[in-house]
Amino acid sequence: MNTTASTPASQRILTLVAGSIAIVSLVALAIILIQYMMQTAPVPALLAVALYGLPVAFILLIVILALNFRERRRSP
């Protein structure tokens, strides 16, 4: 049985986008924590990135999983 199915380009791009959003969000969260430790006010843009970035990345990963399940059901 040959299981070397190629991943569609759109799914690879979506995975890359979700991963990069998650990494940027985690970096923003780390910067916010460092700013709190230094007792400075965090930049509101960083708060927005940290607040919305991880949920958006999680939703994109759920979409990727749904697309992958749909593709596996179609293939024999």
N, C-alpha and C. Protein backbone atom coordinates (compact mmCIF):
# COMPACT_ATOMS: atom_id res chain seq x y z
N MET A 1 0.84 -1.18 0.00
CA MET A 1 0.00 0.00 0.00
C MET A 1 0.89 1.24 0.00
N ASN A 2 0.63 2.14 -0.91
CA ASN A 2 1.41 3.37 -1.04
C ASN A 2 0.70 4.48 -0.26
N THR A 3 1.37 5.02 0.76
CA THR A 3 0.76 6.06 1.59
C THR A 3 1.44 7.41 1.44
N THR A 4 2.11 7.62 0.33
CA THR A 4 2.81 8.88 0.11
C THR A 4 1.92 9.84 -0.66
N ALA A 5 0.86 10.31 -0.03
CA ALA A 5 -0.04 11.27 -0.66
C ALA A 5 0.54 12.67 -0.52
N SER A 6 0.47 13.42 -1.58
CA SER A 6 1.00 14.78 -1.52
C SER A 6 -0.04 15.72 -0.92
N THR A 7 0.45 16.63 -0.12
CA THR A 7 -0.42 17.62 0.52
C THR A 7 -0.67 18.76 -0.47
N PRO A 8 -1.92 19.21 -0.62
CA PRO A 8 -2.18 20.33 -1.52
C PRO A 8 -1.44 21.59 -1.08
N ALA A 9 -1.10 22.42 -2.04
CA ALA A 9 -0.35 23.64 -1.74
C ALA A 9 -1.13 24.58 -0.84
N SER A 10 -2.44 24.65 -1.03
CA SER A 10 -3.23 25.54 -0.19
C SER A 10 -3.21 25.09 1.27
N GLN A 11 -3.20 23.79 1.49
CA GLN A 11 -3.16 23.29 2.87
C GLN A 11 -1.79 23.53 3.50
N ARG A 12 -0.73 23.42 2.70
CA ARG A 12 0.60 23.72 3.22
C ARG A 12 0.73 25.19 3.58
N ILE A 13 0.19 26.06 2.75
CA ILE A 13 0.24 27.50 3.03
C ILE A 13 -0.57 27.83 4.27
N LEU A 14 -1.74 27.21 4.41
CA LEU A 14 -2.57 27.43 5.58
C LEU A 14 -1.87 26.96 6.85
N THR A 15 -1.16 25.86 6.78
CA THR A 15 -0.40 25.36 7.92
C THR A 15 0.73 26.32 8.28
N LEU A 16 1.41 26.84 7.28
CA LEU A 16 2.48 27.80 7.51
C LEU A 16 1.94 29.08 8.15
N VAL A 17 0.80 29.56 7.68
CA VAL A 17 0.19 30.77 8.24
C VAL A 17 -0.21 30.54 9.69
N ALA A 18 -0.84 29.40 9.98
CA ALA A 18 -1.26 29.10 11.35
C ALA A 18 -0.07 28.99 12.28
N GLY A 19 0.98 28.34 11.83
CA GLY A 19 2.18 28.21 12.65
C GLY A 19 2.86 29.53 12.91
N SER A 20 2.94 30.36 11.89
CA SER A 20 3.59 31.66 12.07
C SER A 20 2.76 32.58 12.97
N ILE A 21 1.44 32.52 12.86
CA ILE A 21 0.60 33.32 13.75
C ILE A 21 0.79 32.87 15.19
N ALA A 22 0.86 31.55 15.41
CA ALA A 22 1.06 31.04 16.77
C ALA A 22 2.41 31.47 17.33
N ILE A 23 3.46 31.41 16.52
CA ILE A 23 4.79 31.79 16.99
C ILE A 23 4.84 33.28 17.31
N VAL A 24 4.28 34.12 16.43
CA VAL A 24 4.26 35.57 16.68
C VAL A 24 3.47 35.88 17.94
N SER A 25 2.38 35.18 18.15
CA SER A 25 1.56 35.41 19.33
C SER A 25 2.30 35.00 20.61
N LEU A 26 3.00 33.89 20.57
CA LEU A 26 3.77 33.47 21.73
C LEU A 26 4.93 34.41 22.04
N VAL A 27 5.56 34.92 21.00
CA VAL A 27 6.63 35.90 21.21
C VAL A 27 6.06 37.18 21.82
N ALA A 28 4.90 37.62 21.34
CA ALA A 28 4.26 38.81 21.90
C ALA A 28 3.90 38.59 23.36
N LEU A 29 3.43 37.40 23.68
CA LEU A 29 3.10 37.08 25.07
C LEU A 29 4.34 37.11 25.95
N ALA A 30 5.45 36.59 25.45
CA ALA A 30 6.70 36.61 26.21
C ALA A 30 7.17 38.05 26.43
N ILE A 31 7.05 38.89 25.41
CA ILE A 31 7.45 40.30 25.55
C ILE A 31 6.57 41.00 26.58
N ILE A 32 5.27 40.70 26.57
CA ILE A 32 4.36 41.30 27.55
C ILE A 32 4.75 40.88 28.96
N LEU A 33 5.07 39.61 29.15
CA LEU A 33 5.46 39.14 30.48
C LEU A 33 6.76 39.79 30.94
N ILE A 34 7.69 39.98 30.03
CA ILE A 34 8.94 40.66 30.36
C ILE A 34 8.67 42.12 30.73
N GLN A 35 7.77 42.76 30.01
CA GLN A 35 7.43 44.15 30.32
C GLN A 35 6.76 44.26 31.68
N TYR A 36 5.91 43.30 32.03
CA TYR A 36 5.30 43.31 33.35
C TYR A 36 6.33 43.11 34.45
N MET A 37 7.31 42.25 34.20
CA MET A 37 8.37 42.03 35.19
C MET A 37 9.22 43.28 35.37
N MET A 38 9.37 44.06 34.31
CA MET A 38 10.13 45.31 34.39
C MET A 38 9.27 46.47 34.88
N GLN A 39 8.00 46.19 35.16
CA GLN A 39 7.02 47.17 35.65
C GLN A 39 6.82 48.33 34.69
N THR A 40 6.72 48.00 33.43
CA THR A 40 6.38 49.00 32.41
C THR A 40 5.04 48.60 31.79
N ALA A 41 4.36 49.56 31.23
CA ALA A 41 3.07 49.30 30.60
C ALA A 41 3.30 48.66 29.23
N PRO A 42 2.63 47.54 28.96
CA PRO A 42 2.81 46.91 27.65
C PRO A 42 2.12 47.71 26.54
N VAL A 43 2.65 47.58 25.35
CA VAL A 43 2.09 48.26 24.19
C VAL A 43 0.73 47.62 23.86
N PRO A 44 -0.31 48.41 23.63
CA PRO A 44 -1.63 47.82 23.33
C PRO A 44 -1.64 46.91 22.10
N ALA A 45 -0.80 47.18 21.12
CA ALA A 45 -0.76 46.31 19.94
C ALA A 45 -0.26 44.91 20.31
N LEU A 46 0.70 44.83 21.22
CA LEU A 46 1.17 43.52 21.67
C LEU A 46 0.08 42.77 22.42
N LEU A 47 -0.70 43.50 23.19
CA LEU A 47 -1.81 42.87 23.90
C LEU A 47 -2.82 42.28 22.91
N ALA A 48 -3.09 43.00 21.85
CA ALA A 48 -4.04 42.52 20.85
C ALA A 48 -3.50 41.29 20.13
N VAL A 49 -2.23 41.32 19.78
CA VAL A 49 -1.63 40.17 19.09
C VAL A 49 -1.65 38.94 19.99
N ALA A 50 -1.30 39.12 21.26
CA ALA A 50 -1.29 37.98 22.19
C ALA A 50 -2.70 37.49 22.49
N LEU A 51 -3.66 38.40 22.53
CA LEU A 51 -5.03 38.03 22.88
C LEU A 51 -5.73 37.30 21.74
N TYR A 52 -5.51 37.73 20.52
CA TYR A 52 -6.25 37.17 19.38
C TYR A 52 -5.43 36.20 18.54
N GLY A 53 -4.13 36.21 18.66
CA GLY A 53 -3.29 35.38 17.80
C GLY A 53 -3.44 33.89 18.05
N LEU A 54 -3.36 33.46 19.28
CA LEU A 54 -3.46 32.02 19.57
C LEU A 54 -4.82 31.44 19.23
N PRO A 55 -5.94 32.11 19.56
CA PRO A 55 -7.23 31.53 19.13
C PRO A 55 -7.38 31.44 17.61
N VAL A 56 -6.88 32.44 16.89
CA VAL A 56 -6.96 32.39 15.42
C VAL A 56 -6.13 31.23 14.89
N ALA A 57 -4.93 31.04 15.44
CA ALA A 57 -4.09 29.92 15.01
C ALA A 57 -4.75 28.58 15.33
N PHE A 58 -5.39 28.48 16.49
CA PHE A 58 -6.07 27.25 16.86
C PHE A 58 -7.24 26.96 15.92
N ILE A 59 -8.00 27.98 15.57
CA ILE A 59 -9.11 27.80 14.63
C ILE A 59 -8.59 27.38 13.26
N LEU A 60 -7.49 27.97 12.82
CA LEU A 60 -6.90 27.57 11.54
C LEU A 60 -6.43 26.12 11.57
N LEU A 61 -5.88 25.69 12.69
CA LEU A 61 -5.46 24.29 12.80
C LEU A 61 -6.65 23.33 12.77
N ILE A 62 -7.77 23.73 13.35
CA ILE A 62 -8.98 22.91 13.26
C ILE A 62 -9.46 22.83 11.81
N VAL A 63 -9.38 23.93 11.09
CA VAL A 63 -9.76 23.93 9.67
C VAL A 63 -8.83 23.00 8.88
N ILE A 64 -7.55 23.04 9.18
CA ILE A 64 -6.59 22.17 8.50
C ILE A 64 -6.92 20.69 8.77
N LEU A 65 -7.25 20.37 10.02
CA LEU A 65 -7.61 19.00 10.36
C LEU A 65 -8.88 18.57 9.62
N ALA A 66 -9.87 19.46 9.54
CA ALA A 66 -11.11 19.13 8.83
C ALA A 66 -10.83 18.88 7.35
N LEU A 67 -9.98 19.71 6.75
CA LEU A 67 -9.63 19.51 5.34
C LEU A 67 -8.89 18.19 5.14
N ASN A 68 -8.01 17.86 6.09
CA ASN A 68 -7.26 16.61 5.99
C ASN A 68 -8.18 15.40 6.13
N PHE A 69 -9.13 15.45 7.06
CA PHE A 69 -10.08 14.35 7.22
C PHE A 69 -10.94 14.19 5.96
N ARG A 70 -11.37 15.31 5.40
CA ARG A 70 -12.18 15.25 4.19
C ARG A 70 -11.40 14.65 3.02
N GLU A 71 -10.13 15.01 2.91
CA GLU A 71 -9.30 14.49 1.84
C GLU A 71 -9.06 12.98 2.01
N ARG A 72 -8.90 12.54 3.24
CA ARG A 72 -8.67 11.11 3.48
C ARG A 72 -9.92 10.29 3.21
N ARG A 73 -11.10 10.85 3.47
CA ARG A 73 -12.33 10.12 3.19
C ARG A 73 -12.59 9.98 1.69
N ARG A 74 -12.13 10.96 0.93
CA ARG A 74 -12.33 10.91 -0.53
C ARG A 74 -11.40 9.91 -1.19
N SER A 75 -10.19 9.76 -0.66
CA SER A 75 -9.24 8.84 -1.30
C SER A 75 -9.56 7.40 -0.88
N PRO A 76 -9.43 6.48 -1.82
CA PRO A 76 -9.77 5.07 -1.52
C PRO A 76 -8.75 4.39 -0.66
